[in-house]
Amino acid sequence: NSVRIPLNEDCWLGRDGLSPELTGPAYRA
């Protein structure tokens, strides 16, 4: 009845050095 989802702060916020296709808006979506 419940699920916990571990997240990554750099992927959520986006960060230089990480792929934009995998980070920021794409990750949040």
PDB file of all heavy atoms in Angstrom:
ATOM      1  N   ASN A   1       0.811  -1.218   0.000  1.00  0.00           N
ATOM      2  CA  ASN A   1       0.000   0.000   0.000  1.00  0.00           C
ATOM      3  C   ASN A   1       0.845   1.268   0.000  1.00  0.00           C
ATOM      4  O   ASN A   1       0.306   2.371   0.029  1.00  0.00           O
ATOM      5  CB  ASN A   1      -0.983   0.022   1.185  1.00  0.00           C
ATOM      6  CG  ASN A   1      -0.311   0.228   2.534  1.00  0.00           C
ATOM      7  OD1 ASN A   1       0.885   0.507   2.631  1.00  0.00           O
ATOM      8  ND2 ASN A   1      -1.081   0.074   3.595  1.00  0.00           N
ATOM      9  N   SER A   2       2.185   1.113  -0.054  1.00  0.00           N
ATOM     10  CA  SER A   2       3.048   2.293  -0.025  1.00  0.00           C
ATOM     11  C   SER A   2       4.405   1.956  -0.621  1.00  0.00           C
ATOM     12  O   SER A   2       4.888   0.824  -0.507  1.00  0.00           O
ATOM     13  CB  SER A   2       3.207   2.805   1.408  1.00  0.00           C
ATOM     14  OG  SER A   2       3.474   1.739   2.299  1.00  0.00           O
ATOM     15  N   VAL A   3       5.026   2.950  -1.263  1.00  0.00           N
ATOM     16  CA  VAL A   3       6.311   2.758  -1.946  1.00  0.00           C
ATOM     17  C   VAL A   3       7.220   3.937  -1.637  1.00  0.00           C
ATOM     18  O   VAL A   3       6.811   5.098  -1.745  1.00  0.00           O
ATOM     19  CB  VAL A   3       6.119   2.636  -3.476  1.00  0.00           C
ATOM     20  CG1 VAL A   3       7.471   2.493  -4.175  1.00  0.00           C
ATOM     21  CG2 VAL A   3       5.223   1.452  -3.815  1.00  0.00           C
ATOM     22  N   ARG A   4       8.446   3.632  -1.266  1.00  0.00           N
ATOM     23  CA  ARG A   4       9.465   4.667  -1.027  1.00  0.00           C
ATOM     24  C   ARG A   4      10.387   4.729  -2.243  1.00  0.00           C
ATOM     25  O   ARG A   4      10.873   3.704  -2.724  1.00  0.00           O
ATOM     26  CB  ARG A   4      10.250   4.340   0.239  1.00  0.00           C
ATOM     27  CG  ARG A   4      11.373   5.320   0.597  1.00  0.00           C
ATOM     28  CD  ARG A   4      11.931   4.931   1.956  1.00  0.00           C
ATOM     29  NE  ARG A   4      13.034   5.765   2.413  1.00  0.00           N
ATOM     30  CZ  ARG A   4      14.313   5.401   2.449  1.00  0.00           C
ATOM     31  NH1 ARG A   4      14.661   4.195   1.983  1.00  0.00           N
ATOM     32  NH2 ARG A   4      15.244   6.190   2.922  1.00  0.00           N
ATOM     33  N   ILE A   5      10.661   5.959  -2.720  1.00  0.00           N
ATOM     34  CA  ILE A   5      11.453   6.156  -3.928  1.00  0.00           C
ATOM     35  C   ILE A   5      12.724   6.940  -3.584  1.00  0.00           C
ATOM     36  O   ILE A   5      12.663   8.144  -3.312  1.00  0.00           O
ATOM     37  CB  ILE A   5      10.650   6.934  -4.993  1.00  0.00           C
ATOM     38  CG1 ILE A   5       9.326   6.233  -5.296  1.00  0.00           C
ATOM     39  CG2 ILE A   5      11.484   7.090  -6.253  1.00  0.00           C
ATOM     40  CD1 ILE A   5       8.434   7.028  -6.236  1.00  0.00           C
ATOM     41  N   PRO A   6      13.896   6.296  -3.576  1.00  0.00           N
ATOM     42  CA  PRO A   6      15.151   7.014  -3.349  1.00  0.00           C
ATOM     43  C   PRO A   6      15.509   7.885  -4.553  1.00  0.00           C
ATOM     44  O   PRO A   6      15.402   7.444  -5.702  1.00  0.00           O
ATOM     45  CB  PRO A   6      16.177   5.881  -3.165  1.00  0.00           C
ATOM     46  CG  PRO A   6      15.368   4.663  -2.846  1.00  0.00           C
ATOM     47  CD  PRO A   6      14.083   4.839  -3.607  1.00  0.00           C
ATOM     48  N   LEU A   7      15.953   9.111  -4.273  1.00  0.00           N
ATOM     49  CA  LEU A   7      16.276  10.069  -5.330  1.00  0.00           C
ATOM     50  C   LEU A   7      17.715  10.577  -5.201  1.00  0.00           C
ATOM     51  O   LEU A   7      18.362  10.420  -4.167  1.00  0.00           O
ATOM     52  CB  LEU A   7      15.310  11.259  -5.286  1.00  0.00           C
ATOM     53  CG  LEU A   7      13.829  10.961  -5.480  1.00  0.00           C
ATOM     54  CD1 LEU A   7      13.018  12.248  -5.389  1.00  0.00           C
ATOM     55  CD2 LEU A   7      13.571  10.250  -6.793  1.00  0.00           C
ATOM     56  N   ASN A   8      18.172  11.226  -6.268  1.00  0.00           N
ATOM     57  CA  ASN A   8      19.503  11.812  -6.345  1.00  0.00           C
ATOM     58  C   ASN A   8      19.358  13.328  -6.517  1.00  0.00           C
ATOM     59  O   ASN A   8      18.689  13.789  -7.452  1.00  0.00           O
ATOM     60  CB  ASN A   8      20.259  11.206  -7.535  1.00  0.00           C
ATOM     61  CG  ASN A   8      21.675  11.708  -7.667  1.00  0.00           C
ATOM     62  OD1 ASN A   8      21.929  12.894  -7.803  1.00  0.00           O
ATOM     63  ND2 ASN A   8      22.625  10.773  -7.638  1.00  0.00           N
ATOM     64  N   GLU A   9      19.996  14.102  -5.629  1.00  0.00           N
ATOM     65  CA  GLU A   9      19.790  15.550  -5.672  1.00  0.00           C
ATOM     66  C   GLU A   9      20.376  16.199  -6.923  1.00  0.00           C
ATOM     67  O   GLU A   9      19.790  17.141  -7.481  1.00  0.00           O
ATOM     68  CB  GLU A   9      20.343  16.222  -4.416  1.00  0.00           C
ATOM     69  CG  GLU A   9      21.839  16.174  -4.255  1.00  0.00           C
ATOM     70  CD  GLU A   9      22.325  16.877  -2.991  1.00  0.00           C
ATOM     71  OE1 GLU A   9      21.485  17.261  -2.152  1.00  0.00           O
ATOM     72  OE2 GLU A   9      23.560  17.031  -2.837  1.00  0.00           O
ATOM     73  N   ASP A  10      21.513  15.732  -7.399  1.00  0.00           N
ATOM     74  CA  ASP A  10      22.105  16.320  -8.600  1.00  0.00           C
ATOM     75  C   ASP A  10      21.298  15.987  -9.848  1.00  0.00           C
ATOM     76  O   ASP A  10      21.194  16.805 -10.771  1.00  0.00           O
ATOM     77  CB  ASP A  10      23.546  15.839  -8.778  1.00  0.00           C
ATOM     78  CG  ASP A  10      24.515  16.561  -7.851  1.00  0.00           C
ATOM     79  OD1 ASP A  10      24.106  17.555  -7.226  1.00  0.00           O
ATOM     80  OD2 ASP A  10      25.678  16.125  -7.757  1.00  0.00           O
ATOM     81  N   CYS A  11      20.738  14.789  -9.880  1.00  0.00           N
ATOM     82  CA  CYS A  11      19.902  14.423 -11.025  1.00  0.00           C
ATOM     83  C   CYS A  11      18.621  15.245 -11.024  1.00  0.00           C
ATOM     84  O   CYS A  11      18.149  15.688 -12.081  1.00  0.00           O
ATOM     85  CB  CYS A  11      19.587  12.937 -10.995  1.00  0.00           C
ATOM     86  SG  CYS A  11      21.042  11.879 -11.158  1.00  0.00           S
ATOM     87  N   TRP A  12      18.038  15.448  -9.854  1.00  0.00           N
ATOM     88  CA  TRP A  12      16.794  16.239  -9.758  1.00  0.00           C
ATOM     89  C   TRP A  12      17.038  17.691 -10.143  1.00  0.00           C
ATOM     90  O   TRP A  12      16.287  18.279 -10.932  1.00  0.00           O
ATOM     91  CB  TRP A  12      16.232  16.146  -8.348  1.00  0.00           C
ATOM     92  CG  TRP A  12      14.976  16.950  -8.149  1.00  0.00           C
ATOM     93  CD1 TRP A  12      14.882  18.286  -7.845  1.00  0.00           C
ATOM     94  CD2 TRP A  12      13.622  16.480  -8.262  1.00  0.00           C
ATOM     95  NE1 TRP A  12      13.570  18.669  -7.751  1.00  0.00           N
ATOM     96  CE2 TRP A  12      12.781  17.590  -8.008  1.00  0.00           C
ATOM     97  CE3 TRP A  12      13.047  15.242  -8.541  1.00  0.00           C
ATOM     98  CZ2 TRP A  12      11.380  17.478  -8.026  1.00  0.00           C
ATOM     99  CZ3 TRP A  12      11.668  15.133  -8.559  1.00  0.00           C
ATOM    100  CH2 TRP A  12      10.847  16.239  -8.313  1.00  0.00           C
ATOM    101  N   LEU A  13      18.087  18.290  -9.602  1.00  0.00           N
ATOM    102  CA  LEU A  13      18.345  19.711  -9.839  1.00  0.00           C
ATOM    103  C   LEU A  13      19.027  19.972 -11.179  1.00  0.00           C
ATOM    104  O   LEU A  13      18.897  21.060 -11.750  1.00  0.00           O
ATOM    105  CB  LEU A  13      19.220  20.279  -8.720  1.00  0.00           C
ATOM    106  CG  LEU A  13      18.597  20.344  -7.327  1.00  0.00           C
ATOM    107  CD1 LEU A  13      19.655  20.720  -6.289  1.00  0.00           C
ATOM    108  CD2 LEU A  13      17.440  21.335  -7.290  1.00  0.00           C
ATOM    109  N   GLY A  14      19.748  18.962 -11.694  1.00  0.00           N
ATOM    110  CA  GLY A  14      20.583  19.175 -12.872  1.00  0.00           C
ATOM    111  C   GLY A  14      21.925  19.732 -12.439  1.00  0.00           C
ATOM    112  O   GLY A  14      22.014  20.523 -11.493  1.00  0.00           O
ATOM    113  N   ARG A  15      22.979  19.297 -13.143  1.00  0.00           N
ATOM    114  CA  ARG A  15      24.314  19.751 -12.744  1.00  0.00           C
ATOM    115  C   ARG A  15      25.267  19.605 -13.901  1.00  0.00           C
ATOM    116  O   ARG A  15      25.199  18.644 -14.675  1.00  0.00           O
ATOM    117  CB  ARG A  15      24.802  18.937 -11.547  1.00  0.00           C
ATOM    118  CG  ARG A  15      26.162  19.365 -11.021  1.00  0.00           C
ATOM    119  CD  ARG A  15      26.412  18.841  -9.643  1.00  0.00           C
ATOM    120  NE  ARG A  15      27.699  19.301  -9.138  1.00  0.00           N
ATOM    121  CZ  ARG A  15      28.046  19.258  -7.869  1.00  0.00           C
ATOM    122  NH1 ARG A  15      27.199  18.773  -6.962  1.00  0.00           N
ATOM    123  NH2 ARG A  15      29.223  19.680  -7.469  1.00  0.00           N
ATOM    124  N   ASP A  16      26.181  20.574 -14.027  1.00  0.00           N
ATOM    125  CA  ASP A  16      27.219  20.485 -15.056  1.00  0.00           C
ATOM    126  C   ASP A  16      27.998  19.190 -14.874  1.00  0.00           C
ATOM    127  O   ASP A  16      28.331  18.792 -13.755  1.00  0.00           O
ATOM    128  CB  ASP A  16      28.172  21.674 -14.951  1.00  0.00           C
ATOM    129  CG  ASP A  16      27.515  22.992 -15.341  1.00  0.00           C
ATOM    130  OD1 ASP A  16      26.446  22.937 -15.986  1.00  0.00           O
ATOM    131  OD2 ASP A  16      28.055  24.056 -14.985  1.00  0.00           O
ATOM    132  N   GLY A  17      28.281  18.551 -15.986  1.00  0.00           N
ATOM    133  CA  GLY A  17      29.015  17.300 -15.941  1.00  0.00           C
ATOM    134  C   GLY A  17      28.122  16.084 -16.057  1.00  0.00           C
ATOM    135  O   GLY A  17      28.615  14.977 -16.274  1.00  0.00           O
ATOM    136  N   LEU A  18      26.812  16.280 -15.911  1.00  0.00           N
ATOM    137  CA  LEU A  18      25.861  15.187 -16.076  1.00  0.00           C
ATOM    138  C   LEU A  18      25.073  15.399 -17.366  1.00  0.00           C
ATOM    139  O   LEU A  18      24.863  16.533 -17.799  1.00  0.00           O
ATOM    140  CB  LEU A  18      24.899  15.112 -14.891  1.00  0.00           C
ATOM    141  CG  LEU A  18      25.524  14.782 -13.539  1.00  0.00           C
ATOM    142  CD1 LEU A  18      24.446  14.794 -12.452  1.00  0.00           C
ATOM    143  CD2 LEU A  18      26.237  13.438 -13.571  1.00  0.00           C
ATOM    144  N   SER A  19      24.622  14.326 -17.946  1.00  0.00           N
ATOM    145  CA  SER A  19      23.887  14.406 -19.211  1.00  0.00           C
ATOM    146  C   SER A  19      22.570  15.158 -19.035  1.00  0.00           C
ATOM    147  O   SER A  19      21.759  14.794 -18.170  1.00  0.00           O
ATOM    148  CB  SER A  19      23.602  13.003 -19.730  1.00  0.00           C
ATOM    149  OG  SER A  19      22.687  13.050 -20.799  1.00  0.00           O
ATOM    150  N   PRO A  20      22.320  16.188 -19.828  1.00  0.00           N
ATOM    151  CA  PRO A  20      21.048  16.915 -19.716  1.00  0.00           C
ATOM    152  C   PRO A  20      19.850  16.058 -20.082  1.00  0.00           C
ATOM    153  O   PRO A  20      18.726  16.349 -19.668  1.00  0.00           O
ATOM    154  CB  PRO A  20      21.221  18.092 -20.681  1.00  0.00           C
ATOM    155  CG  PRO A  20      22.293  17.672 -21.632  1.00  0.00           C
ATOM    156  CD  PRO A  20      23.216  16.790 -20.840  1.00  0.00           C
ATOM    157  N   GLU A  21      20.068  14.987 -20.851  1.00  0.00           N
ATOM    158  CA  GLU A  21      18.961  14.099 -21.205  1.00  0.00           C
ATOM    159  C   GLU A  21      18.509  13.248 -20.022  1.00  0.00           C
ATOM    160  O   GLU A  21      17.417  12.680 -20.037  1.00  0.00           O
ATOM    161  CB  GLU A  21      19.360  13.159 -22.360  1.00  0.00           C
ATOM    162  CG  GLU A  21      19.495  13.832 -23.710  1.00  0.00           C
ATOM    163  CD  GLU A  21      20.813  14.574 -23.841  1.00  0.00           C
ATOM    164  OE1 GLU A  21      21.752  14.272 -23.054  1.00  0.00           O
ATOM    165  OE2 GLU A  21      20.916  15.463 -24.714  1.00  0.00           O
ATOM    166  N   LEU A  22      19.346  13.178 -18.979  1.00  0.00           N
ATOM    167  CA  LEU A  22      19.048  12.328 -17.828  1.00  0.00           C
ATOM    168  C   LEU A  22      18.794  13.125 -16.556  1.00  0.00           C
ATOM    169  O   LEU A  22      18.469  12.540 -15.521  1.00  0.00           O
ATOM    170  CB  LEU A  22      20.220  11.361 -17.571  1.00  0.00           C
ATOM    171  CG  LEU A  22      20.686  10.499 -18.740  1.00  0.00           C
ATOM    172  CD1 LEU A  22      21.884   9.664 -18.320  1.00  0.00           C
ATOM    173  CD2 LEU A  22      19.551   9.617 -19.246  1.00  0.00           C
ATOM    174  N   THR A  23      18.963  14.434 -16.633  1.00  0.00           N
ATOM    175  CA  THR A  23      18.912  15.254 -15.429  1.00  0.00           C
ATOM    176  C   THR A  23      17.862  16.354 -15.554  1.00  0.00           C
ATOM    177  O   THR A  23      17.241  16.539 -16.603  1.00  0.00           O
ATOM    178  CB  THR A  23      20.282  15.906 -15.173  1.00  0.00           C
ATOM    179  OG1 THR A  23      20.585  16.809 -16.254  1.00  0.00           O
ATOM    180  CG2 THR A  23      21.363  14.873 -15.042  1.00  0.00           C
ATOM    181  N   GLY A  24      17.722  17.116 -14.487  1.00  0.00           N
ATOM    182  CA  GLY A  24      16.854  18.283 -14.498  1.00  0.00           C
ATOM    183  C   GLY A  24      15.434  17.945 -14.907  1.00  0.00           C
ATOM    184  O   GLY A  24      14.820  17.029 -14.342  1.00  0.00           O
ATOM    185  N   PRO A  25      14.879  18.648 -15.895  1.00  0.00           N
ATOM    186  CA  PRO A  25      13.484  18.423 -16.286  1.00  0.00           C
ATOM    187  C   PRO A  25      13.173  16.985 -16.671  1.00  0.00           C
ATOM    188  O   PRO A  25      12.096  16.469 -16.342  1.00  0.00           O
ATOM    189  CB  PRO A  25      13.310  19.364 -17.482  1.00  0.00           C
ATOM    190  CG  PRO A  25      14.302  20.460 -17.255  1.00  0.00           C
ATOM    191  CD  PRO A  25      15.487  19.790 -16.624  1.00  0.00           C
ATOM    192  N   ALA A  26      14.097  16.314 -17.361  1.00  0.00           N
ATOM    193  CA  ALA A  26      13.843  14.930 -17.777  1.00  0.00           C
ATOM    194  C   ALA A  26      13.739  14.004 -16.570  1.00  0.00           C
ATOM    195  O   ALA A  26      12.849  13.145 -16.491  1.00  0.00           O
ATOM    196  CB  ALA A  26      14.954  14.453 -18.718  1.00  0.00           C
ATOM    197  N   TYR A  27      14.634  14.157 -15.625  1.00  0.00           N
ATOM    198  CA  TYR A  27      14.623  13.334 -14.408  1.00  0.00           C
ATOM    199  C   TYR A  27      13.372  13.633 -13.584  1.00  0.00           C
ATOM    200  O   TYR A  27      12.676  12.709 -13.132  1.00  0.00           O
ATOM    201  CB  TYR A  27      15.887  13.623 -13.602  1.00  0.00           C
ATOM    202  CG  TYR A  27      16.070  12.773 -12.358  1.00  0.00           C
ATOM    203  CD1 TYR A  27      16.686  11.531 -12.435  1.00  0.00           C
ATOM    204  CD2 TYR A  27      15.660  13.229 -11.116  1.00  0.00           C
ATOM    205  CE1 TYR A  27      16.888  10.749 -11.289  1.00  0.00           C
ATOM    206  CE2 TYR A  27      15.852  12.469  -9.967  1.00  0.00           C
ATOM    207  CZ  TYR A  27      16.470  11.229 -10.063  1.00  0.00           C
ATOM    208  OH  TYR A  27      16.660  10.466  -8.926  1.00  0.00           O
ATOM    209  N   ARG A  28      13.079  14.912 -13.395  1.00  0.00           N
ATOM    210  CA  ARG A  28      11.905  15.284 -12.598  1.00  0.00           C
ATOM    211  C   ARG A  28      10.623  14.753 -13.230  1.00  0.00           C
ATOM    212  O   ARG A  28       9.725  14.268 -12.532  1.00  0.00           O
ATOM    213  CB  ARG A  28      11.838  16.806 -12.431  1.00  0.00           C
ATOM    214  CG  ARG A  28      12.994  17.381 -11.620  1.00  0.00           C
ATOM    215  CD  ARG A  28      12.752  18.806 -11.187  1.00  0.00           C
ATOM    216  NE  ARG A  28      12.694  19.743 -12.299  1.00  0.00           N
ATOM    217  CZ  ARG A  28      13.740  20.388 -12.786  1.00  0.00           C
ATOM    218  NH1 ARG A  28      14.964  20.173 -12.295  1.00  0.00           N
ATOM    219  NH2 ARG A  28      13.606  21.258 -13.779  1.00  0.00           N
ATOM    220  N   ALA A  29      10.535  14.843 -14.545  1.00  0.00           N
ATOM    221  CA  ALA A  29       9.328  14.347 -15.227  1.00  0.00           C
ATOM    222  C   ALA A  29       9.168  12.849 -15.029  1.00  0.00           C
ATOM    223  O   ALA A  29       8.052  12.352 -14.831  1.00  0.00           O
ATOM    224  CB  ALA A  29       9.400  14.678 -16.718  1.00  0.00           C
TER     225      ALA A  29
END
